[in-house]
Amino acid sequence: MAETIYGLCTLTSLLCAWMLLTSHRRNGVRLLFWSGLCFIGLSINNILLVLDKLVFPQIDLLLLRLFSALVALLLLLFGLIYENK
Protein backbone atom coordinates (compact mmCIF):
# COMPACT_ATOMS: atom_id res chain seq x y z
CA MET A 1 0.00 0.00 0.00
CA ALA A 2 2.84 2.40 0.79
CA GLU A 3 4.28 1.92 -2.70
CA THR A 4 1.00 3.05 -4.24
CA ILE A 5 0.74 6.13 -2.05
CA TYR A 6 4.37 7.14 -2.66
CA GLY A 7 3.90 6.69 -6.40
CA LEU A 8 0.67 8.70 -6.48
CA CYS A 9 2.27 11.53 -4.48
CA THR A 10 5.19 11.63 -6.91
CA LEU A 11 2.90 11.66 -9.95
CA THR A 12 0.74 14.38 -8.39
CA SER A 13 3.77 16.59 -7.75
CA LEU A 14 5.02 16.10 -11.30
CA LEU A 15 1.57 16.87 -12.72
CA CYS A 16 1.31 20.05 -10.64
CA ALA A 17 4.77 21.16 -11.76
CA TRP A 18 3.89 20.49 -15.40
CA MET A 19 0.59 22.40 -15.17
CA LEU A 20 2.19 25.37 -13.40
CA LEU A 21 5.07 25.65 -15.86
CA THR A 22 2.74 25.24 -18.83
CA SER A 23 0.53 27.99 -17.48
CA HIS A 24 3.60 30.19 -16.94
CA ARG A 25 4.60 29.71 -20.59
CA ARG A 26 1.14 30.77 -21.73
CA ASN A 27 0.58 33.70 -19.35
CA GLY A 28 4.08 34.79 -18.37
CA VAL A 29 3.18 35.20 -14.69
CA ARG A 30 6.43 34.85 -12.75
CA LEU A 31 4.85 33.41 -9.61
CA LEU A 32 3.69 30.41 -11.65
CA PHE A 33 7.32 29.85 -12.63
CA TRP A 34 8.52 29.85 -9.01
CA SER A 35 5.64 27.61 -7.96
CA GLY A 36 6.50 25.20 -10.77
CA LEU A 37 10.11 25.07 -9.65
CA CYS A 38 8.94 24.41 -6.11
CA PHE A 39 6.86 21.47 -7.27
CA ILE A 40 9.80 20.11 -9.26
CA GLY A 41 11.77 20.16 -6.01
CA LEU A 42 8.92 18.47 -4.18
CA SER A 43 8.81 15.83 -6.93
CA ILE A 44 12.51 15.20 -6.38
CA ASN A 45 11.77 14.92 -2.69
CA ASN A 46 9.08 12.31 -3.39
CA ILE A 47 11.40 10.36 -5.69
CA LEU A 48 14.03 10.37 -2.95
CA LEU A 49 11.38 9.11 -0.51
CA VAL A 50 10.62 6.18 -2.81
CA LEU A 51 14.33 5.44 -3.13
CA ASP A 52 14.84 5.75 0.62
CA LYS A 53 11.93 3.61 1.77
CA LEU A 54 11.49 1.08 -1.02
CA VAL A 55 14.58 0.72 -3.21
CA PHE A 56 17.42 1.27 -0.72
CA PRO A 57 15.96 0.72 2.77
CA GLN A 58 19.44 0.08 4.21
CA ILE A 59 20.66 3.57 3.20
CA ASP A 60 19.35 6.62 5.06
CA LEU A 61 18.52 9.41 2.63
CA LEU A 62 16.80 11.63 5.19
CA LEU A 63 19.29 14.51 4.95
CA LEU A 64 19.11 14.52 1.16
CA ARG A 65 15.30 14.48 1.30
CA LEU A 66 15.25 17.34 3.80
CA PHE A 67 17.69 19.35 1.68
CA SER A 68 15.57 18.91 -1.47
CA ALA A 69 12.44 19.99 0.42
CA LEU A 70 14.28 23.02 1.82
CA VAL A 71 15.48 24.08 -1.64
CA ALA A 72 11.98 23.65 -3.07
CA LEU A 73 10.37 25.77 -0.38
CA LEU A 74 13.10 28.41 -0.57
CA LEU A 75 12.42 28.75 -4.30
CA LEU A 76 8.74 29.35 -3.58
CA LEU A 77 9.58 31.78 -0.78
CA PHE A 78 11.94 33.68 -3.06
CA GLY A 79 9.20 33.94 -5.68
CA LEU A 80 6.64 35.10 -3.15
CA ILE A 81 8.92 37.81 -1.73
CA TYR A 82 10.67 39.20 -4.79
CA GLU A 83 8.02 38.81 -7.45
CA ASN A 84 5.38 40.58 -5.41
CA LYS A 85 7.07 43.97 -5.82
C-alpha atoms as a PDB file:
ATOM      1  CA  MET A   1       0.000   0.000   0.000  1.00  0.00           C
ATOM      2  CA  ALA A   2       2.843   2.399   0.795  1.00  0.00           C
ATOM      3  CA  GLU A   3       4.279   1.920  -2.696  1.00  0.00           C
ATOM      4  CA  THR A   4       0.997   3.051  -4.241  1.00  0.00           C
ATOM      5  CA  ILE A   5       0.743   6.134  -2.050  1.00  0.00           C
ATOM      6  CA  TYR A   6       4.365   7.142  -2.659  1.00  0.00           C
ATOM      7  CA  GLY A   7       3.902   6.691  -6.397  1.00  0.00           C
ATOM      8  CA  LEU A   8       0.673   8.700  -6.478  1.00  0.00           C
ATOM      9  CA  CYS A   9       2.273  11.526  -4.482  1.00  0.00           C
ATOM     10  CA  THR A  10       5.188  11.629  -6.914  1.00  0.00           C
ATOM     11  CA  LEU A  11       2.896  11.657  -9.948  1.00  0.00           C
ATOM     12  CA  THR A  12       0.738  14.379  -8.394  1.00  0.00           C
ATOM     13  CA  SER A  13       3.772  16.586  -7.747  1.00  0.00           C
ATOM     14  CA  LEU A  14       5.016  16.100 -11.297  1.00  0.00           C
ATOM     15  CA  LEU A  15       1.575  16.865 -12.715  1.00  0.00           C
ATOM     16  CA  CYS A  16       1.307  20.049 -10.642  1.00  0.00           C
ATOM     17  CA  ALA A  17       4.771  21.160 -11.764  1.00  0.00           C
ATOM     18  CA  TRP A  18       3.893  20.495 -15.402  1.00  0.00           C
ATOM     19  CA  MET A  19       0.590  22.398 -15.174  1.00  0.00           C
ATOM     20  CA  LEU A  20       2.189  25.374 -13.400  1.00  0.00           C
ATOM     21  CA  LEU A  21       5.072  25.646 -15.855  1.00  0.00           C
ATOM     22  CA  THR A  22       2.743  25.242 -18.834  1.00  0.00           C
ATOM     23  CA  SER A  23       0.532  27.993 -17.480  1.00  0.00           C
ATOM     24  CA  HIS A  24       3.602  30.187 -16.942  1.00  0.00           C
ATOM     25  CA  ARG A  25       4.604  29.708 -20.585  1.00  0.00           C
ATOM     26  CA  ARG A  26       1.140  30.766 -21.730  1.00  0.00           C
ATOM     27  CA  ASN A  27       0.583  33.695 -19.350  1.00  0.00           C
ATOM     28  CA  GLY A  28       4.080  34.792 -18.372  1.00  0.00           C
ATOM     29  CA  VAL A  29       3.178  35.200 -14.692  1.00  0.00           C
ATOM     30  CA  ARG A  30       6.433  34.854 -12.748  1.00  0.00           C
ATOM     31  CA  LEU A  31       4.847  33.413  -9.612  1.00  0.00           C
ATOM     32  CA  LEU A  32       3.690  30.408 -11.654  1.00  0.00           C
ATOM     33  CA  PHE A  33       7.317  29.855 -12.630  1.00  0.00           C
ATOM     34  CA  TRP A  34       8.515  29.852  -9.014  1.00  0.00           C
ATOM     35  CA  SER A  35       5.642  27.610  -7.963  1.00  0.00           C
ATOM     36  CA  GLY A  36       6.497  25.203 -10.768  1.00  0.00           C
ATOM     37  CA  LEU A  37      10.114  25.072  -9.646  1.00  0.00           C
ATOM     38  CA  CYS A  38       8.938  24.407  -6.105  1.00  0.00           C
ATOM     39  CA  PHE A  39       6.863  21.467  -7.273  1.00  0.00           C
ATOM     40  CA  ILE A  40       9.803  20.107  -9.259  1.00  0.00           C
ATOM     41  CA  GLY A  41      11.770  20.163  -6.009  1.00  0.00           C
ATOM     42  CA  LEU A  42       8.916  18.470  -4.184  1.00  0.00           C
ATOM     43  CA  SER A  43       8.813  15.834  -6.925  1.00  0.00           C
ATOM     44  CA  ILE A  44      12.510  15.201  -6.381  1.00  0.00           C
ATOM     45  CA  ASN A  45      11.769  14.919  -2.688  1.00  0.00           C
ATOM     46  CA  ASN A  46       9.076  12.311  -3.390  1.00  0.00           C
ATOM     47  CA  ILE A  47      11.404  10.363  -5.685  1.00  0.00           C
ATOM     48  CA  LEU A  48      14.027  10.365  -2.945  1.00  0.00           C
ATOM     49  CA  LEU A  49      11.378   9.115  -0.512  1.00  0.00           C
ATOM     50  CA  VAL A  50      10.615   6.175  -2.808  1.00  0.00           C
ATOM     51  CA  LEU A  51      14.327   5.438  -3.128  1.00  0.00           C
ATOM     52  CA  ASP A  52      14.840   5.748   0.618  1.00  0.00           C
ATOM     53  CA  LYS A  53      11.930   3.609   1.772  1.00  0.00           C
ATOM     54  CA  LEU A  54      11.493   1.079  -1.021  1.00  0.00           C
ATOM     55  CA  VAL A  55      14.575   0.722  -3.206  1.00  0.00           C
ATOM     56  CA  PHE A  56      17.416   1.274  -0.723  1.00  0.00           C
ATOM     57  CA  PRO A  57      15.962   0.723   2.767  1.00  0.00           C
ATOM     58  CA  GLN A  58      19.439   0.081   4.213  1.00  0.00           C
ATOM     59  CA  ILE A  59      20.660   3.566   3.204  1.00  0.00           C
ATOM     60  CA  ASP A  60      19.351   6.618   5.065  1.00  0.00           C
ATOM     61  CA  LEU A  61      18.520   9.411   2.629  1.00  0.00           C
ATOM     62  CA  LEU A  62      16.804  11.630   5.190  1.00  0.00           C
ATOM     63  CA  LEU A  63      19.286  14.507   4.946  1.00  0.00           C
ATOM     64  CA  LEU A  64      19.113  14.517   1.161  1.00  0.00           C
ATOM     65  CA  ARG A  65      15.302  14.484   1.297  1.00  0.00           C
ATOM     66  CA  LEU A  66      15.249  17.342   3.797  1.00  0.00           C
ATOM     67  CA  PHE A  67      17.688  19.349   1.676  1.00  0.00           C
ATOM     68  CA  SER A  68      15.571  18.908  -1.468  1.00  0.00           C
ATOM     69  CA  ALA A  69      12.437  19.989   0.421  1.00  0.00           C
ATOM     70  CA  LEU A  70      14.280  23.019   1.818  1.00  0.00           C
ATOM     71  CA  VAL A  71      15.485  24.083  -1.639  1.00  0.00           C
ATOM     72  CA  ALA A  72      11.975  23.645  -3.069  1.00  0.00           C
ATOM     73  CA  LEU A  73      10.372  25.775  -0.380  1.00  0.00           C
ATOM     74  CA  LEU A  74      13.099  28.406  -0.573  1.00  0.00           C
ATOM     75  CA  LEU A  75      12.417  28.754  -4.301  1.00  0.00           C
ATOM     76  CA  LEU A  76       8.744  29.355  -3.583  1.00  0.00           C
ATOM     77  CA  LEU A  77       9.577  31.779  -0.775  1.00  0.00           C
ATOM     78  CA  PHE A  78      11.936  33.683  -3.061  1.00  0.00           C
ATOM     79  CA  GLY A  79       9.203  33.939  -5.676  1.00  0.00           C
ATOM     80  CA  LEU A  80       6.636  35.105  -3.148  1.00  0.00           C
ATOM     81  CA  ILE A  81       8.921  37.810  -1.728  1.00  0.00           C
ATOM     82  CA  TYR A  82      10.670  39.196  -4.789  1.00  0.00           C
ATOM     83  CA  GLU A  83       8.017  38.806  -7.454  1.00  0.00           C
ATOM     84  CA  ASN A  84       5.378  40.580  -5.409  1.00  0.00           C
ATOM     85  CA  LYS A  85       7.073  43.965  -5.818  1.00  0.00           C
END
